[in-house]
Amino acid sequence: KDRFAIITVDSGKINFVNNVKDKEKFINLIKS
């Protein structure tokens, strides 16, 4: 965790396929 920039996302609680809000939230998290 100190060697790399790492973020943890619970992929069991986010819908990359059908949920528009989840998609936007995920992309905004990466951008931030």
All heavy atoms as atom14 arrays in JSON, in Angstrom:
{
  "sequence": "KDRFAIITVDSGKINFVNNVKDKEKFINLIKS",
  "atom14_mask": [
    [1, 1, 1, 1, 1, 1, 1, 1, 1, 0, 0, 0, 0, 0],
    [1, 1, 1, 1, 1, 1, 1, 1, 0, 0, 0, 0, 0, 0],
    [1, 1, 1, 1, 1, 1, 1, 1, 1, 1, 1, 0, 0, 0],
    [1, 1, 1, 1, 1, 1, 1, 1, 1, 1, 1, 0, 0, 0],
    [1, 1, 1, 1, 1, 0, 0, 0, 0, 0, 0, 0, 0, 0],
    [1, 1, 1, 1, 1, 1, 1, 1, 0, 0, 0, 0, 0, 0],
    [1, 1, 1, 1, 1, 1, 1, 1, 0, 0, 0, 0, 0, 0],
    [1, 1, 1, 1, 1, 1, 1, 0, 0, 0, 0, 0, 0, 0],
    [1, 1, 1, 1, 1, 1, 1, 0, 0, 0, 0, 0, 0, 0],
    [1, 1, 1, 1, 1, 1, 1, 1, 0, 0, 0, 0, 0, 0],
    [1, 1, 1, 1, 1, 1, 0, 0, 0, 0, 0, 0, 0, 0],
    [1, 1, 1, 1, 0, 0, 0, 0, 0, 0, 0, 0, 0, 0],
    [1, 1, 1, 1, 1, 1, 1, 1, 1, 0, 0, 0, 0, 0],
    [1, 1, 1, 1, 1, 1, 1, 1, 0, 0, 0, 0, 0, 0],
    [1, 1, 1, 1, 1, 1, 1, 1, 0, 0, 0, 0, 0, 0],
    [1, 1, 1, 1, 1, 1, 1, 1, 1, 1, 1, 0, 0, 0],
    [1, 1, 1, 1, 1, 1, 1, 0, 0, 0, 0, 0, 0, 0],
    [1, 1, 1, 1, 1, 1, 1, 1, 0, 0, 0, 0, 0, 0],
    [1, 1, 1, 1, 1, 1, 1, 1, 0, 0, 0, 0, 0, 0],
    [1, 1, 1, 1, 1, 1, 1, 0, 0, 0, 0, 0, 0, 0],
    [1, 1, 1, 1, 1, 1, 1, 1, 1, 0, 0, 0, 0, 0],
    [1, 1, 1, 1, 1, 1, 1, 1, 0, 0, 0, 0, 0, 0],
    [1, 1, 1, 1, 1, 1, 1, 1, 1, 0, 0, 0, 0, 0],
    [1, 1, 1, 1, 1, 1, 1, 1, 1, 0, 0, 0, 0, 0],
    [1, 1, 1, 1, 1, 1, 1, 1, 1, 0, 0, 0, 0, 0],
    [1, 1, 1, 1, 1, 1, 1, 1, 1, 1, 1, 0, 0, 0],
    [1, 1, 1, 1, 1, 1, 1, 1, 0, 0, 0, 0, 0, 0],
    [1, 1, 1, 1, 1, 1, 1, 1, 0, 0, 0, 0, 0, 0],
    [1, 1, 1, 1, 1, 1, 1, 1, 0, 0, 0, 0, 0, 0],
    [1, 1, 1, 1, 1, 1, 1, 1, 0, 0, 0, 0, 0, 0],
    [1, 1, 1, 1, 1, 1, 1, 1, 1, 0, 0, 0, 0, 0],
    [1, 1, 1, 1, 1, 1, 0, 0, 0, 0, 0, 0, 0, 0]
  ],
  "atom14_positions": [
    [[0.81, -1.22, 0.0], [0.0, 0.0, 0.0], [0.84, 1.27, 0.0], [0.35, 2.34, -0.4], [-0.95, 0.0, 1.19], [-0.27, -0.02, 2.55], [-1.3, -0.09, 3.67], [-0.63, -0.12, 5.04], [-1.64, -0.18, 6.14], [0.0, 0.0, 0.0], [0.0, 0.0, 0.0], [0.0, 0.0, 0.0], [0.0, 0.0, 0.0], [0.0, 0.0, 0.0]],
    [[2.1, 1.18, 0.44], [2.98, 2.34, 0.42], [3.83, 2.43, -0.85], [4.42, 3.47, -1.12], [3.91, 2.32, 1.64], [3.14, 2.46, 2.95], [2.11, 3.16, 2.95], [3.56, 1.87, 3.96], [0.0, 0.0, 0.0], [0.0, 0.0, 0.0], [0.0, 0.0, 0.0], [0.0, 0.0, 0.0], [0.0, 0.0, 0.0], [0.0, 0.0, 0.0]],
    [[3.87, 1.35, -1.63], [4.65, 1.33, -2.87], [3.83, 1.76, -4.07], [4.36, 2.3, -5.05], [5.2, -0.08, -3.13], [6.3, -0.53, -2.19], [6.79, -1.91, -2.59], [7.28, -1.92, -3.97], [6.98, -2.86, -4.86], [6.15, -3.85, -4.55], [7.48, -2.81, -6.07], [0.0, 0.0, 0.0], [0.0, 0.0, 0.0], [0.0, 0.0, 0.0]],
    [[2.53, 1.5, -4.02], [1.64, 1.8, -5.13], [0.45, 2.62, -4.65], [0.08, 2.55, -3.48], [1.11, 0.51, -5.77], [2.15, -0.36, -6.41], [2.72, -1.42, -5.69], [2.56, -0.15, -7.72], [3.67, -2.23, -6.27], [3.51, -0.96, -8.31], [4.07, -2.01, -7.59], [0.0, 0.0, 0.0], [0.0, 0.0, 0.0], [0.0, 0.0, 0.0]],
    [[-0.12, 3.37, -5.58], [-1.41, 4.02, -5.31], [-2.49, 2.97, -5.56], [-2.7, 2.55, -6.69], [-1.6, 5.22, -6.24], [0.0, 0.0, 0.0], [0.0, 0.0, 0.0], [0.0, 0.0, 0.0], [0.0, 0.0, 0.0], [0.0, 0.0, 0.0], [0.0, 0.0, 0.0], [0.0, 0.0, 0.0], [0.0, 0.0, 0.0], [0.0, 0.0, 0.0]],
    [[-3.15, 2.53, -4.49], [-4.13, 1.45, -4.57], [-5.44, 1.91, -3.94], [-5.44, 2.48, -2.84], [-3.65, 0.18, -3.84], [-2.28, -0.27, -4.36], [-4.66, -0.95, -3.98], [-1.65, -1.39, -3.53], [0.0, 0.0, 0.0], [0.0, 0.0, 0.0], [0.0, 0.0, 0.0], [0.0, 0.0, 0.0], [0.0, 0.0, 0.0], [0.0, 0.0, 0.0]],
    [[-6.54, 1.67, -4.64], [-7.85, 1.88, -4.03], [-8.61, 0.55, -4.08], [-8.45, -0.23, -5.01], [-8.66, 2.99, -4.72], [-8.86, 2.7, -6.22], [-8.01, 4.33, -4.51], [-9.8, 3.69, -6.89], [0.0, 0.0, 0.0], [0.0, 0.0, 0.0], [0.0, 0.0, 0.0], [0.0, 0.0, 0.0], [0.0, 0.0, 0.0], [0.0, 0.0, 0.0]],
    [[-9.39, 0.3, -3.05], [-10.17, -0.94, -2.96], [-11.64, -0.63, -3.18], [-12.19, 0.3, -2.57], [-9.97, -1.6, -1.58], [-8.59, -1.92, -1.4], [-10.8, -2.88, -1.49], [0.0, 0.0, 0.0], [0.0, 0.0, 0.0], [0.0, 0.0, 0.0], [0.0, 0.0, 0.0], [0.0, 0.0, 0.0], [0.0, 0.0, 0.0], [0.0, 0.0, 0.0]],
    [[-12.26, -1.39, -4.07], [-13.67, -1.22, -4.39], [-14.38, -2.55, -4.17], [-13.92, -3.58, -4.66], [-13.86, -0.76, -5.86], [-15.34, -0.7, -6.22], [-13.18, 0.58, -6.09], [0.0, 0.0, 0.0], [0.0, 0.0, 0.0], [0.0, 0.0, 0.0], [0.0, 0.0, 0.0], [0.0, 0.0, 0.0], [0.0, 0.0, 0.0], [0.0, 0.0, 0.0]],
    [[-15.47, -2.53, -3.44], [-16.26, -3.75, -3.23], [-17.07, -4.0, -4.49], [-18.14, -3.4, -4.69], [-17.17, -3.59, -2.02], [-17.89, -4.88, -1.65], [-17.96, -5.79, -2.51], [-18.39, -4.97, -0.52], [0.0, 0.0, 0.0], [0.0, 0.0, 0.0], [0.0, 0.0, 0.0], [0.0, 0.0, 0.0], [0.0, 0.0, 0.0], [0.0, 0.0, 0.0]],
    [[-16.59, -4.89, -5.35], [-17.25, -5.12, -6.64], [-18.54, -5.92, -6.5], [-19.3, -6.04, -7.45], [-16.3, -5.83, -7.62], [-16.02, -7.14, -7.19], [0.0, 0.0, 0.0], [0.0, 0.0, 0.0], [0.0, 0.0, 0.0], [0.0, 0.0, 0.0], [0.0, 0.0, 0.0], [0.0, 0.0, 0.0], [0.0, 0.0, 0.0], [0.0, 0.0, 0.0]],
    [[-18.79, -6.44, -5.3], [-20.05, -7.12, -5.06], [-21.19, -6.15, -4.8], [-22.36, -6.53, -4.82], [0.0, 0.0, 0.0], [0.0, 0.0, 0.0], [0.0, 0.0, 0.0], [0.0, 0.0, 0.0], [0.0, 0.0, 0.0], [0.0, 0.0, 0.0], [0.0, 0.0, 0.0], [0.0, 0.0, 0.0], [0.0, 0.0, 0.0], [0.0, 0.0, 0.0]],
    [[-20.85, -4.87, -4.57], [-21.86, -3.87, -4.26], [-21.96, -2.79, -5.34], [-22.58, -1.75, -5.11], [-21.54, -3.22, -2.9], [-21.62, -4.17, -1.73], [-21.33, -3.47, -0.42], [-21.43, -4.43, 0.76], [-21.13, -3.76, 2.04], [0.0, 0.0, 0.0], [0.0, 0.0, 0.0], [0.0, 0.0, 0.0], [0.0, 0.0, 0.0], [0.0, 0.0, 0.0]],
    [[-21.33, -3.03, -6.48], [-21.39, -2.05, -7.57], [-21.73, -2.79, -8.87], [-21.2, -3.86, -9.14], [-20.06, -1.27, -7.69], [-20.21, -0.12, -8.68], [-18.91, -2.18, -8.06], [-19.04, 0.86, -8.61], [0.0, 0.0, 0.0], [0.0, 0.0, 0.0], [0.0, 0.0, 0.0], [0.0, 0.0, 0.0], [0.0, 0.0, 0.0], [0.0, 0.0, 0.0]],
    [[-22.63, -2.21, -9.64], [-23.1, -2.83, -10.88], [-22.5, -2.08, -12.07], [-22.97, -1.01, -12.44], [-24.62, -2.79, -10.93], [-25.19, -3.54, -12.13], [-24.5, -3.79, -13.1], [-26.46, -3.9, -12.04], [0.0, 0.0, 0.0], [0.0, 0.0, 0.0], [0.0, 0.0, 0.0], [0.0, 0.0, 0.0], [0.0, 0.0, 0.0], [0.0, 0.0, 0.0]],
    [[-21.42, -2.65, -12.64], [-20.76, -2.02, -13.79], [-21.58, -2.16, -15.07], [-21.32, -1.46, -16.04], [-19.39, -2.67, -14.06], [-18.42, -2.57, -12.93], [-17.86, -3.72, -12.38], [-18.05, -1.35, -12.42], [-16.94, -3.64, -11.35], [-17.14, -1.25, -11.39], [-16.59, -2.4, -10.85], [0.0, 0.0, 0.0], [0.0, 0.0, 0.0], [0.0, 0.0, 0.0]],
    [[-22.53, -3.08, -15.07], [-23.23, -3.44, -16.31], [-24.47, -2.6, -16.55], [-24.64, -2.01, -17.63], [-23.59, -4.94, -16.31], [-24.31, -5.31, -17.59], [-22.35, -5.79, -16.12], [0.0, 0.0, 0.0], [0.0, 0.0, 0.0], [0.0, 0.0, 0.0], [0.0, 0.0, 0.0], [0.0, 0.0, 0.0], [0.0, 0.0, 0.0], [0.0, 0.0, 0.0]],
    [[-25.36, -2.5, -15.54], [-26.68, -1.92, -15.78], [-26.98, -0.64, -15.0], [-27.91, 0.09, -15.36], [-27.77, -2.96, -15.45], [-27.64, -4.21, -16.31], [-27.45, -4.11, -17.51], [-27.74, -5.38, -15.68], [0.0, 0.0, 0.0], [0.0, 0.0, 0.0], [0.0, 0.0, 0.0], [0.0, 0.0, 0.0], [0.0, 0.0, 0.0], [0.0, 0.0, 0.0]],
    [[-26.25, -0.38, -13.93], [-26.59, 0.75, -13.07], [-25.8, 2.0, -13.47], [-24.59, 2.07, -13.28], [-26.31, 0.38, -11.61], [-26.89, 1.4, -10.64], [-26.61, 2.58, -10.73], [-27.7, 0.92, -9.72], [0.0, 0.0, 0.0], [0.0, 0.0, 0.0], [0.0, 0.0, 0.0], [0.0, 0.0, 0.0], [0.0, 0.0, 0.0], [0.0, 0.0, 0.0]],
    [[-26.5, 2.98, -14.03], [-25.85, 4.19, -14.53], [-25.17, 4.96, -13.41], [-24.04, 5.44, -13.55], [-26.87, 5.1, -15.25], [-26.22, 6.42, -15.66], [-27.42, 4.38, -16.48], [0.0, 0.0, 0.0], [0.0, 0.0, 0.0], [0.0, 0.0, 0.0], [0.0, 0.0, 0.0], [0.0, 0.0, 0.0], [0.0, 0.0, 0.0], [0.0, 0.0, 0.0]],
    [[-25.83, 5.06, -12.25], [-25.25, 5.79, -11.11], [-23.99, 5.12, -10.61], [-23.01, 5.79, -10.25], [-26.28, 5.92, -9.99], [-27.41, 6.88, -10.31], [-28.35, 7.05, -9.11], [-29.45, 8.06, -9.43], [-30.37, 8.24, -8.28], [0.0, 0.0, 0.0], [0.0, 0.0, 0.0], [0.0, 0.0, 0.0], [0.0, 0.0, 0.0], [0.0, 0.0, 0.0]],
    [[-24.0, 3.78, -10.57], [-22.82, 3.04, -10.14], [-21.65, 3.27, -11.1], [-20.5, 3.42, -10.67], [-23.13, 1.54, -10.04], [-23.83, 1.17, -8.75], [-24.03, 2.07, -7.9], [-24.18, -0.01, -8.58], [0.0, 0.0, 0.0], [0.0, 0.0, 0.0], [0.0, 0.0, 0.0], [0.0, 0.0, 0.0], [0.0, 0.0, 0.0], [0.0, 0.0, 0.0]],
    [[-21.95, 3.28, -12.39], [-20.91, 3.53, -13.39], [-20.27, 4.9, -13.19], [-19.04, 5.04, -13.18], [-21.48, 3.43, -14.8], [-21.89, 2.03, -15.22], [-22.46, 2.06, -16.63], [-22.92, 0.68, -17.09], [-23.45, 0.71, -18.47], [0.0, 0.0, 0.0], [0.0, 0.0, 0.0], [0.0, 0.0, 0.0], [0.0, 0.0, 0.0], [0.0, 0.0, 0.0]],
    [[-21.11, 5.91, -13.01], [-20.61, 7.27, -12.82], [-19.81, 7.4, -11.53], [-18.76, 8.05, -11.5], [-21.79, 8.25, -12.82], [-22.48, 8.39, -14.17], [-23.66, 9.33, -14.12], [-24.01, 9.81, -13.01], [-24.25, 9.6, -15.18], [0.0, 0.0, 0.0], [0.0, 0.0, 0.0], [0.0, 0.0, 0.0], [0.0, 0.0, 0.0], [0.0, 0.0, 0.0]],
    [[-20.32, 6.79, -10.48], [-19.63, 6.83, -9.19], [-18.24, 6.19, -9.29], [-17.26, 6.71, -8.76], [-20.46, 6.12, -8.12], [-19.87, 6.14, -6.73], [-20.8, 5.43, -5.75], [-20.19, 5.43, -4.35], [-21.09, 4.7, -3.38], [0.0, 0.0, 0.0], [0.0, 0.0, 0.0], [0.0, 0.0, 0.0], [0.0, 0.0, 0.0], [0.0, 0.0, 0.0]],
    [[-18.17, 5.07, -9.99], [-16.91, 4.35, -10.15], [-15.91, 5.18, -10.96], [-14.74, 5.31, -10.57], [-17.17, 3.02, -10.83], [-15.95, 2.15, -11.03], [-15.27, 1.65, -9.94], [-15.49, 1.85, -12.31], [-14.14, 0.86, -10.11], [-14.39, 1.08, -12.48], [-13.7, 0.56, -11.4], [0.0, 0.0, 0.0], [0.0, 0.0, 0.0], [0.0, 0.0, 0.0]],
    [[-16.34, 5.75, -12.06], [-15.47, 6.55, -12.9], [-14.99, 7.8, -12.14], [-13.8, 8.17, -12.2], [-16.18, 6.96, -14.2], [-16.41, 5.73, -15.08], [-15.35, 8.01, -14.98], [-15.15, 5.0, -15.51], [0.0, 0.0, 0.0], [0.0, 0.0, 0.0], [0.0, 0.0, 0.0], [0.0, 0.0, 0.0], [0.0, 0.0, 0.0], [0.0, 0.0, 0.0]],
    [[-15.88, 8.45, -11.41], [-15.5, 9.63, -10.64], [-14.5, 9.29, -9.54], [-13.61, 10.1, -9.22], [-16.74, 10.31, -10.04], [-17.58, 11.0, -11.09], [-17.07, 11.41, -12.12], [-18.87, 11.13, -10.84], [0.0, 0.0, 0.0], [0.0, 0.0, 0.0], [0.0, 0.0, 0.0], [0.0, 0.0, 0.0], [0.0, 0.0, 0.0], [0.0, 0.0, 0.0]],
    [[-14.64, 8.09, -8.95], [-13.7, 7.65, -7.93], [-12.3, 7.51, -8.53], [-11.32, 7.97, -7.92], [-14.15, 6.31, -7.36], [-13.23, 5.66, -6.32], [-13.14, 6.51, -5.06], [-13.69, 4.24, -5.99], [0.0, 0.0, 0.0], [0.0, 0.0, 0.0], [0.0, 0.0, 0.0], [0.0, 0.0, 0.0], [0.0, 0.0, 0.0], [0.0, 0.0, 0.0]],
    [[-12.21, 6.91, -9.71], [-10.92, 6.76, -10.36], [-10.32, 8.12, -10.69], [-9.14, 8.39, -10.41], [-11.06, 5.92, -11.65], [-11.44, 4.47, -11.3], [-9.76, 5.93, -12.47], [-11.75, 3.62, -12.49], [0.0, 0.0, 0.0], [0.0, 0.0, 0.0], [0.0, 0.0, 0.0], [0.0, 0.0, 0.0], [0.0, 0.0, 0.0], [0.0, 0.0, 0.0]],
    [[-11.12, 9.0, -11.27], [-10.62, 10.34, -11.63], [-10.1, 11.09, -10.42], [-9.09, 11.8, -10.51], [-11.74, 11.13, -12.31], [-12.1, 10.67, -13.7], [-13.22, 11.52, -14.29], [-13.53, 11.09, -15.72], [-14.64, 11.9, -16.29], [0.0, 0.0, 0.0], [0.0, 0.0, 0.0], [0.0, 0.0, 0.0], [0.0, 0.0, 0.0], [0.0, 0.0, 0.0]],
    [[-10.77, 10.92, -9.29], [-10.35, 11.64, -8.07], [-9.03, 11.16, -7.52], [-8.4, 11.86, -6.7], [-11.45, 11.51, -7.0], [-11.51, 10.19, -6.48], [0.0, 0.0, 0.0], [0.0, 0.0, 0.0], [0.0, 0.0, 0.0], [0.0, 0.0, 0.0], [0.0, 0.0, 0.0], [0.0, 0.0, 0.0], [0.0, 0.0, 0.0], [0.0, 0.0, 0.0]]
  ]
}
